[in-house]
């Protein structure tokens, strides 16, 4: 997978995680938001929306770590392939 796909996926995961995690909590606390299509976690009642928002933050961090490891492995494969081509030529 090309590095640009990793960057795109990282941006999308971070944006969704931030929007459903900290942003949803702030909307609930500051604006008494009880859910919209953009913040479905706020449809939940008071204690559960905070629990789910925390779980979303944890899942976001895990997914970003997985994407970063995959990117590092892809870059290492490209370096090894380039080194092998350099020795063969």
PDB file of N, CA and C in Angstrom:
ATOM      1  N   UNK A   1       0.845  -1.167   0.000  1.00  0.00           N
ATOM      2  CA  UNK A   1       0.000   0.000   0.000  1.00  0.00           C
ATOM      3  C   UNK A   1       0.892   1.232   0.000  1.00  0.00           C
ATOM      4  N   UNK A   2       0.555   2.172  -0.813  1.00  0.00           N
ATOM      5  CA  UNK A   2       1.340   3.378  -0.952  1.00  0.00           C
ATOM      6  C   UNK A   2       1.192   4.263   0.290  1.00  0.00           C
ATOM      7  N   UNK A   3       2.219   5.043   0.570  1.00  0.00           N
ATOM      8  CA  UNK A   3       2.214   5.867   1.780  1.00  0.00           C
ATOM      9  C   UNK A   3       1.072   6.871   1.803  1.00  0.00           C
ATOM     10  N   UNK A   4       0.650   7.331   0.651  1.00  0.00           N
ATOM     11  CA  UNK A   4      -0.447   8.304   0.626  1.00  0.00           C
ATOM     12  C   UNK A   4      -1.744   7.688   1.145  1.00  0.00           C
ATOM     13  N   UNK A   5      -1.951   6.389   0.927  1.00  0.00           N
ATOM     14  CA  UNK A   5      -3.134   5.723   1.470  1.00  0.00           C
ATOM     15  C   UNK A   5      -3.068   5.652   2.995  1.00  0.00           C
ATOM     16  N   UNK A   6      -1.885   5.398   3.520  1.00  0.00           N
ATOM     17  CA  UNK A   6      -1.730   5.392   4.978  1.00  0.00           C
ATOM     18  C   UNK A   6      -2.019   6.775   5.558  1.00  0.00           C
ATOM     19  N   UNK A   7      -1.546   7.800   4.889  1.00  0.00           N
ATOM     20  CA  UNK A   7      -1.802   9.154   5.368  1.00  0.00           C
ATOM     21  C   UNK A   7      -3.291   9.483   5.311  1.00  0.00           C
ATOM     22  N   UNK A   8      -3.943   9.129   4.211  1.00  0.00           N
ATOM     23  CA  UNK A   8      -5.368   9.385   4.078  1.00  0.00           C
ATOM     24  C   UNK A   8      -6.161   8.641   5.145  1.00  0.00           C
ATOM     25  N   UNK A   9      -5.856   7.368   5.330  1.00  0.00           N
ATOM     26  CA  UNK A   9      -6.553   6.587   6.356  1.00  0.00           C
ATOM     27  C   UNK A   9      -6.294   7.141   7.754  1.00  0.00           C
ATOM     28  N   UNK A  10      -5.082   7.573   8.013  1.00  0.00           N
ATOM     29  CA  UNK A  10      -4.760   8.154   9.322  1.00  0.00           C
ATOM     30  C   UNK A  10      -5.561   9.424   9.563  1.00  0.00           C
ATOM     31  N   UNK A  11      -5.672  10.263   8.563  1.00  0.00           N
ATOM     32  CA  UNK A  11      -6.446  11.498   8.698  1.00  0.00           C
ATOM     33  C   UNK A  11      -7.918  11.180   8.943  1.00  0.00           C
ATOM     34  N   UNK A  12      -8.469  10.230   8.191  1.00  0.00           N
ATOM     35  CA  UNK A  12      -9.876   9.868   8.358  1.00  0.00           C
ATOM     36  C   UNK A  12     -10.148   9.259   9.729  1.00  0.00           C
ATOM     37  N   UNK A  13      -9.264   8.370  10.177  1.00  0.00           N
ATOM     38  CA  UNK A  13      -9.441   7.742  11.495  1.00  0.00           C
ATOM     39  C   UNK A  13      -9.333   8.788  12.596  1.00  0.00           C
ATOM     40  N   UNK A  14      -8.350   9.674  12.497  1.00  0.00           N
ATOM     41  CA  UNK A  14      -8.191  10.708  13.513  1.00  0.00           C
ATOM     42  C   UNK A  14      -9.402  11.635  13.555  1.00  0.00           C
ATOM     43  N   UNK A  15      -9.877  12.052  12.393  1.00  0.00           N
ATOM     44  CA  UNK A  15     -11.019  12.962  12.330  1.00  0.00           C
ATOM     45  C   UNK A  15     -12.264  12.323  12.933  1.00  0.00           C
ATOM     46  N   UNK A  16     -12.548  11.092  12.533  1.00  0.00           N
ATOM     47  CA  UNK A  16     -13.731  10.403  13.075  1.00  0.00           C
ATOM     48  C   UNK A  16     -13.588  10.177  14.572  1.00  0.00           C
ATOM     49  N   UNK A  17     -12.406   9.783  15.024  1.00  0.00           N
ATOM     50  CA  UNK A  17     -12.176   9.555  16.442  1.00  0.00           C
ATOM     51  C   UNK A  17     -12.299  10.817  17.265  1.00  0.00           C
ATOM     52  N   UNK A  18     -11.760  11.915  16.739  1.00  0.00           N
ATOM     53  CA  UNK A  18     -11.861  13.178  17.463  1.00  0.00           C
ATOM     54  C   UNK A  18     -13.309  13.652  17.504  1.00  0.00           C
ATOM     55  N   UNK A  19     -14.025  13.526  16.389  1.00  0.00           N
ATOM     56  CA  UNK A  19     -15.388  14.024  16.315  1.00  0.00           C
ATOM     57  C   UNK A  19     -16.333  13.234  17.224  1.00  0.00           C
ATOM     58  N   UNK A  20     -16.140  11.918  17.302  1.00  0.00           N
ATOM     59  CA  UNK A  20     -17.008  11.093  18.143  1.00  0.00           C
ATOM     60  C   UNK A  20     -16.494  10.971  19.575  1.00  0.00           C
ATOM     61  N   UNK A  21     -15.272  11.399  19.829  1.00  0.00           N
ATOM     62  CA  UNK A  21     -14.705  11.330  21.177  1.00  0.00           C
ATOM     63  C   UNK A  21     -14.787  12.672  21.878  1.00  0.00           C
ATOM     64  N   UNK A  22     -13.692  13.426  21.887  1.00  0.00           N
ATOM     65  CA  UNK A  22     -13.655  14.686  22.635  1.00  0.00           C
ATOM     66  C   UNK A  22     -14.661  15.728  22.141  1.00  0.00           C
ATOM     67  N   UNK A  23     -14.872  15.833  20.835  1.00  0.00           N
ATOM     68  CA  UNK A  23     -15.803  16.840  20.324  1.00  0.00           C
ATOM     69  C   UNK A  23     -17.235  16.534  20.760  1.00  0.00           C
ATOM     70  N   UNK A  24     -17.618  15.272  20.755  1.00  0.00           N
ATOM     71  CA  UNK A  24     -18.974  14.904  21.188  1.00  0.00           C
ATOM     72  C   UNK A  24     -19.168  15.210  22.672  1.00  0.00           C
ATOM     73  N   UNK A  25     -18.148  14.954  23.473  1.00  0.00           N
ATOM     74  CA  UNK A  25     -18.248  15.256  24.904  1.00  0.00           C
ATOM     75  C   UNK A  25     -18.373  16.767  25.119  1.00  0.00           C
ATOM     76  N   UNK A  26     -17.574  17.549  24.400  1.00  0.00           N
ATOM     77  CA  UNK A  26     -17.663  19.001  24.534  1.00  0.00           C
ATOM     78  C   UNK A  26     -19.032  19.522  24.090  1.00  0.00           C
ATOM     79  N   UNK A  27     -19.567  18.964  23.015  1.00  0.00           N
ATOM     80  CA  UNK A  27     -20.896  19.384  22.573  1.00  0.00           C
ATOM     81  C   UNK A  27     -21.950  19.031  23.625  1.00  0.00           C
ATOM     82  N   UNK A  28     -21.781  17.900  24.281  1.00  0.00           N
ATOM     83  CA  UNK A  28     -22.748  17.499  25.316  1.00  0.00           C
ATOM     84  C   UNK A  28     -22.643  18.412  26.529  1.00  0.00           C
ATOM     85  N   UNK A  29     -21.414  18.713  26.950  1.00  0.00           N
ATOM     86  CA  UNK A  29     -21.225  19.530  28.149  1.00  0.00           C
ATOM     87  C   UNK A  29     -21.594  20.992  27.900  1.00  0.00           C
ATOM     88  N   UNK A  30     -21.086  21.560  26.819  1.00  0.00           N
ATOM     89  CA  UNK A  30     -21.274  22.991  26.577  1.00  0.00           C
ATOM     90  C   UNK A  30     -22.628  23.325  25.961  1.00  0.00           C
ATOM     91  N   UNK A  31     -23.117  22.455  25.076  1.00  0.00           N
ATOM     92  CA  UNK A  31     -24.329  22.808  24.355  1.00  0.00           C
ATOM     93  C   UNK A  31     -25.530  21.954  24.687  1.00  0.00           C
ATOM     94  N   UNK A  32     -25.414  21.045  25.632  1.00  0.00           N
ATOM     95  CA  UNK A  32     -26.488  20.129  25.990  1.00  0.00           C
ATOM     96  C   UNK A  32     -27.024  19.412  24.762  1.00  0.00           C
ATOM     97  N   UNK A  33     -26.092  18.922  23.929  1.00  0.00           N
ATOM     98  CA  UNK A  33     -26.422  18.219  22.695  1.00  0.00           C
ATOM     99  C   UNK A  33     -26.905  16.812  23.021  1.00  0.00           C
ATOM    100  N   UNK A  34     -28.006  16.410  22.439  1.00  0.00           N
ATOM    101  CA  UNK A  34     -28.534  15.068  22.679  1.00  0.00           C
ATOM    102  C   UNK A  34     -28.564  14.240  21.405  1.00  0.00           C
ATOM    103  N   UNK A  35     -27.617  14.469  20.539  1.00  0.00           N
ATOM    104  CA  UNK A  35     -27.436  13.629  19.375  1.00  0.00           C
ATOM    105  C   UNK A  35     -27.889  14.262  18.078  1.00  0.00           C
ATOM    106  N   UNK A  36     -27.057  14.086  17.085  1.00  0.00           N
ATOM    107  CA  UNK A  36     -27.382  14.448  15.706  1.00  0.00           C
ATOM    108  C   UNK A  36     -26.791  13.360  14.833  1.00  0.00           C
ATOM    109  N   UNK A  37     -27.034  13.477  13.551  1.00  0.00           N
ATOM    110  CA  UNK A  37     -26.452  12.488  12.635  1.00  0.00           C
ATOM    111  C   UNK A  37     -24.927  12.557  12.645  1.00  0.00           C
ATOM    112  N   UNK A  38     -24.369  13.727  12.958  1.00  0.00           N
ATOM    113  CA  UNK A  38     -22.916  13.879  12.985  1.00  0.00           C
ATOM    114  C   UNK A  38     -22.302  13.448  14.314  1.00  0.00           C
ATOM    115  N   UNK A  39     -23.093  13.398  15.369  1.00  0.00           N
ATOM    116  CA  UNK A  39     -22.608  12.970  16.679  1.00  0.00           C
ATOM    117  C   UNK A  39     -23.561  11.933  17.265  1.00  0.00           C
ATOM    118  N   UNK A  40     -23.629  10.745  16.680  1.00  0.00           N
ATOM    119  CA  UNK A  40     -24.598   9.758  17.165  1.00  0.00           C
ATOM    120  C   UNK A  40     -24.308   9.259  18.581  1.00  0.00           C
ATOM    121  N   UNK A  41     -23.082   9.405  19.043  1.00  0.00           N
ATOM    122  CA  UNK A  41     -22.765   8.949  20.391  1.00  0.00           C
ATOM    123  C   UNK A  41     -23.560   9.744  21.431  1.00  0.00           C
ATOM    124  N   UNK A  42     -23.968  10.942  21.095  1.00  0.00           N
ATOM    125  CA  UNK A  42     -24.730  11.763  22.036  1.00  0.00           C
ATOM    126  C   UNK A  42     -26.197  11.374  22.117  1.00  0.00           C
ATOM    127  N   UNK A  43     -26.655  10.434  21.289  1.00  0.00           N
ATOM    128  CA  UNK A  43     -28.008   9.905  21.445  1.00  0.00           C
ATOM    129  C   UNK A  43     -28.119   9.090  22.735  1.00  0.00           C
ATOM    130  N   UNK A  44     -26.993   8.585  23.206  1.00  0.00           N
ATOM    131  CA  UNK A  44     -27.001   7.781  24.427  1.00  0.00           C
ATOM    132  C   UNK A  44     -27.236   8.654  25.652  1.00  0.00           C
ATOM    133  N   UNK A  45     -27.737   8.027  26.710  1.00  0.00           N
ATOM    134  CA  UNK A  45     -27.970   8.762  27.951  1.00  0.00           C
ATOM    135  C   UNK A  45     -26.655   9.137  28.615  1.00  0.00           C
ATOM    136  N   UNK A  46     -26.760   9.977  29.642  1.00  0.00           N
ATOM    137  CA  UNK A  46     -25.628  10.667  30.260  1.00  0.00           C
ATOM    138  C   UNK A  46     -24.401   9.810  30.569  1.00  0.00           C
ATOM    139  N   UNK A  47     -24.453   8.750  31.329  1.00  0.00           N
ATOM    140  CA  UNK A  47     -23.155   8.124  31.601  1.00  0.00           C
ATOM    141  C   UNK A  47     -22.615   7.336  30.411  1.00  0.00           C
ATOM    142  N   UNK A  48     -23.498   6.804  29.579  1.00  0.00           N
ATOM    143  CA  UNK A  48     -23.043   5.921  28.513  1.00  0.00           C
ATOM    144  C   UNK A  48     -22.398   6.661  27.357  1.00  0.00           C
ATOM    145  N   UNK A  49     -22.814   7.888  27.109  1.00  0.00           N
ATOM    146  CA  UNK A  49     -22.175   8.603  26.014  1.00  0.00           C
ATOM    147  C   UNK A  49     -20.714   8.906  26.342  1.00  0.00           C
ATOM    148  N   UNK A  50     -20.404   9.130  27.619  1.00  0.00           N
ATOM    149  CA  UNK A  50     -19.011   9.364  28.010  1.00  0.00           C
ATOM    150  C   UNK A  50     -18.184   8.084  27.905  1.00  0.00           C
ATOM    151  N   UNK A  51     -18.788   6.965  28.271  1.00  0.00           N
ATOM    152  CA  UNK A  51     -18.096   5.676  28.178  1.00  0.00           C
ATOM    153  C   UNK A  51     -17.793   5.348  26.721  1.00  0.00           C
ATOM    154  N   UNK A  52     -18.789   5.525  25.858  1.00  0.00           N
ATOM    155  CA  UNK A  52     -18.598   5.223  24.439  1.00  0.00           C
ATOM    156  C   UNK A  52     -17.600   6.195  23.812  1.00  0.00           C
ATOM    157  N   UNK A  53     -17.641   7.456  24.196  1.00  0.00           N
ATOM    158  CA  UNK A  53     -16.668   8.425  23.686  1.00  0.00           C
ATOM    159  C   UNK A  53     -15.248   8.040  24.095  1.00  0.00           C
ATOM    160  N   UNK A  54     -15.086   7.578  25.317  1.00  0.00           N
ATOM    161  CA  UNK A  54     -13.769   7.099  25.762  1.00  0.00           C
ATOM    162  C   UNK A  54     -13.326   5.881  24.977  1.00  0.00           C
ATOM    163  N   UNK A  55     -14.259   4.970  24.705  1.00  0.00           N
ATOM    164  CA  UNK A  55     -13.924   3.783  23.908  1.00  0.00           C
ATOM    165  C   UNK A  55     -13.545   4.172  22.483  1.00  0.00           C
ATOM    166  N   UNK A  56     -14.199   5.185  21.949  1.00  0.00           N
ATOM    167  CA  UNK A  56     -13.862   5.655  20.602  1.00  0.00           C
ATOM    168  C   UNK A  56     -12.456   6.227  20.582  1.00  0.00           C
ATOM    169  N   UNK A  57     -12.084   6.962  21.618  1.00  0.00           N
ATOM    170  CA  UNK A  57     -10.725   7.526  21.696  1.00  0.00           C
ATOM    171  C   UNK A  57      -9.693   6.403  21.765  1.00  0.00           C
ATOM    172  N   UNK A  58      -9.958   5.387  22.581  1.00  0.00           N
ATOM    173  CA  UNK A  58      -9.031   4.249  22.690  1.00  0.00           C
ATOM    174  C   UNK A  58      -8.926   3.523  21.348  1.00  0.00           C
ATOM    175  N   UNK A  59     -10.059   3.281  20.697  1.00  0.00           N
ATOM    176  CA  UNK A  59     -10.046   2.604  19.398  1.00  0.00           C
ATOM    177  C   UNK A  59      -9.300   3.434  18.357  1.00  0.00           C
ATOM    178  N   UNK A  60      -9.437   4.741  18.424  1.00  0.00           N
ATOM    179  CA  UNK A  60      -8.723   5.614  17.490  1.00  0.00           C
ATOM    180  C   UNK A  60      -7.219   5.513  17.683  1.00  0.00           C
ATOM    181  N   UNK A  61      -6.778   5.529  18.922  1.00  0.00           N
ATOM    182  CA  UNK A  61      -5.337   5.420  19.201  1.00  0.00           C
ATOM    183  C   UNK A  61      -4.806   4.071  18.719  1.00  0.00           C
ATOM    184  N   UNK A  62      -5.562   3.006  18.956  1.00  0.00           N
ATOM    185  CA  UNK A  62      -5.135   1.673  18.517  1.00  0.00           C
ATOM    186  C   UNK A  62      -5.064   1.611  16.995  1.00  0.00           C
ATOM    187  N   UNK A  63      -6.081   2.117  16.312  1.00  0.00           N
ATOM    188  CA  UNK A  63      -6.075   2.097  14.846  1.00  0.00           C
ATOM    189  C   UNK A  63      -4.940   2.936  14.276  1.00  0.00           C
ATOM    190  N   UNK A  64      -4.669   4.079  14.873  1.00  0.00           N
ATOM    191  CA  UNK A  64      -3.548   4.896  14.406  1.00  0.00           C
ATOM    192  C   UNK A  64      -2.208   4.184  14.616  1.00  0.00           C
ATOM    193  N   UNK A  65      -2.077   3.454  15.719  1.00  0.00           N
ATOM    194  CA  UNK A  65      -0.848   2.691  15.956  1.00  0.00           C
ATOM    195  C   UNK A  65      -0.700   1.574  14.932  1.00  0.00           C
ATOM    196  N   UNK A  66      -1.794   0.900  14.609  1.00  0.00           N
ATOM    197  CA  UNK A  66      -1.752  -0.168  13.606  1.00  0.00           C
ATOM    198  C   UNK A  66      -1.389   0.411  12.241  1.00  0.00           C
ATOM    199  N   UNK A  67      -1.981   1.529  11.882  1.00  0.00           N
ATOM    200  CA  UNK A  67      -1.654   2.162  10.600  1.00  0.00           C
ATOM    201  C   UNK A  67      -0.192   2.597  10.559  1.00  0.00           C
ATOM    202  N   UNK A  68       0.328   3.105  11.659  1.00  0.00           N
ATOM    203  CA  UNK A  68       1.728   3.530  11.692  1.00  0.00           C
ATOM    204  C   UNK A  68       2.671   2.341  11.544  1.00  0.00           C
ATOM    205  N   UNK A  69       2.355   1.231  12.215  1.00  0.00           N
ATOM    206  CA  UNK A  69       3.186   0.031  12.078  1.00  0.00           C
ATOM    207  C   UNK A  69       3.160  -0.485  10.644  1.00  0.00           C
ATOM    208  N   UNK A  70       1.987  -0.469  10.035  1.00  0.00           N
ATOM    209  CA  UNK A  70       1.878  -0.907   8.644  1.00  0.00           C
ATOM    210  C   UNK A  70       2.671  -0.018   7.710  1.00  0.00           C
ATOM    211  N   UNK A  71       2.644   1.277   7.968  1.00  0.00           N
ATOM    212  CA  UNK A  71       3.420   2.214   7.159  1.00  0.00           C
ATOM    213  C   UNK A  71       4.912   1.964   7.321  1.00  0.00           C
ATOM    214  N   UNK A  72       5.356   1.731   8.559  1.00  0.00           N
ATOM    215  CA  UNK A  72       6.774   1.449   8.793  1.00  0.00           C
ATOM    216  C   UNK A  72       7.205   0.173   8.081  1.00  0.00           C
ATOM    217  N   UNK A  73       6.367  -0.864   8.117  1.00  0.00           N
ATOM    218  CA  UNK A  73       6.698  -2.110   7.425  1.00  0.00           C
ATOM    219  C   UNK A  73       6.761  -1.900   5.919  1.00  0.00           C
ATOM    220  N   UNK A  74       5.837  -1.120   5.370  1.00  0.00           N
ATOM    221  CA  UNK A  74       5.845  -0.853   3.931  1.00  0.00           C
ATOM    222  C   UNK A  74       7.093  -0.086   3.530  1.00  0.00           C
ATOM    223  N   UNK A  75       7.490   0.899   4.337  1.00  0.00           N
ATOM    224  CA  UNK A  75       8.701   1.655   4.032  1.00  0.00           C
ATOM    225  C   UNK A  75       9.938   0.766   4.122  1.00  0.00           C
ATOM    226  N   UNK A  76       9.964  -0.149   5.092  1.00  0.00           N
ATOM    227  CA  UNK A  76      11.100  -1.065   5.215  1.00  0.00           C
ATOM    228  C   UNK A  76      11.170  -2.004   4.016  1.00  0.00           C
ATOM    229  N   UNK A  77      10.005  -2.479   3.554  1.00  0.00           N
ATOM    230  CA  UNK A  77       9.993  -3.342   2.358  1.00  0.00           C
ATOM    231  C   UNK A  77      10.507  -2.596   1.147  1.00  0.00           C
ATOM    232  N   UNK A  78      10.114  -1.333   1.001  1.00  0.00           N
ATOM    233  CA  UNK A  78      10.595  -0.538  -0.137  1.00  0.00           C
ATOM    234  C   UNK A  78      12.101  -0.321  -0.063  1.00  0.00           C
ATOM    235  N   UNK A  79      12.618  -0.070   1.141  1.00  0.00           N
ATOM    236  CA  UNK A  79      14.061   0.115   1.305  1.00  0.00           C
ATOM    237  C   UNK A  79      14.801  -1.167   0.969  1.00  0.00           C
ATOM    238  N   UNK A  80      14.289  -2.300   1.451  1.00  0.00           N
ATOM    239  CA  UNK A  80      14.939  -3.589   1.174  1.00  0.00           C
ATOM    240  C   UNK A  80      14.880  -3.924  -0.312  1.00  0.00           C
ATOM    241  N   UNK A  81      13.772  -3.625  -0.960  1.00  0.00           N
ATOM    242  CA  UNK A  81      13.657  -3.886  -2.388  1.00  0.00           C
ATOM    243  C   UNK A  81      14.613  -2.987  -3.170  1.00  0.00           C
ATOM    244  N   UNK A  82      14.737  -1.738  -2.742  1.00  0.00           N
ATOM    245  CA  UNK A  82      15.676  -0.820  -3.402  1.00  0.00           C
ATOM    246  C   UNK A  82      17.108  -1.248  -3.192  1.00  0.00           C
ATOM    247  N   UNK A  83      17.452  -1.737  -2.025  1.00  0.00           N
ATOM    248  CA  UNK A  83      18.800  -2.213  -1.765  1.00  0.00           C
ATOM    249  C   UNK A  83      19.090  -3.472  -2.571  1.00  0.00           C
ATOM    250  N   UNK A  84      18.106  -4.351  -2.697  1.00  0.00           N
ATOM    251  CA  UNK A  84      18.303  -5.574  -3.479  1.00  0.00           C
ATOM    252  C   UNK A  84      18.496  -5.238  -4.951  1.00  0.00           C
ATOM    253  N   UNK A  85      17.754  -4.237  -5.465  1.00  0.00           N
ATOM    254  CA  UNK A  85      17.923  -3.846  -6.851  1.00  0.00           C
ATOM    255  C   UNK A  85      19.298  -3.204  -7.055  1.00  0.00           C
ATOM    256  N   UNK A  86      19.759  -2.472  -6.061  1.00  0.00           N
ATOM    257  CA  UNK A  86      21.067  -1.822  -6.175  1.00  0.00           C
ATOM    258  C   UNK A  86      22.198  -2.838  -6.200  1.00  0.00           C
ATOM    259  N   UNK A  87      22.074  -3.932  -5.433  1.00  0.00           N
ATOM    260  CA  UNK A  87      23.103  -4.973  -5.434  1.00  0.00           C
ATOM    261  C   UNK A  87      23.040  -5.826  -6.675  1.00  0.00           C
ATOM    262  N   UNK A  88      21.856  -6.008  -7.230  1.00  0.00           N
ATOM    263  CA  UNK A  88      21.704  -6.847  -8.420  1.00  0.00           C
ATOM    264  C   UNK A  88      22.187  -6.132  -9.661  1.00  0.00           C
ATOM    265  N   UNK A  89      22.066  -4.791  -9.669  1.00  0.00           N
ATOM    266  CA  UNK A  89      22.413  -4.032 -10.881  1.00  0.00           C
ATOM    267  C   UNK A  89      23.846  -3.756 -10.925  1.00  0.00           C
TER     268      UNK A  89
END
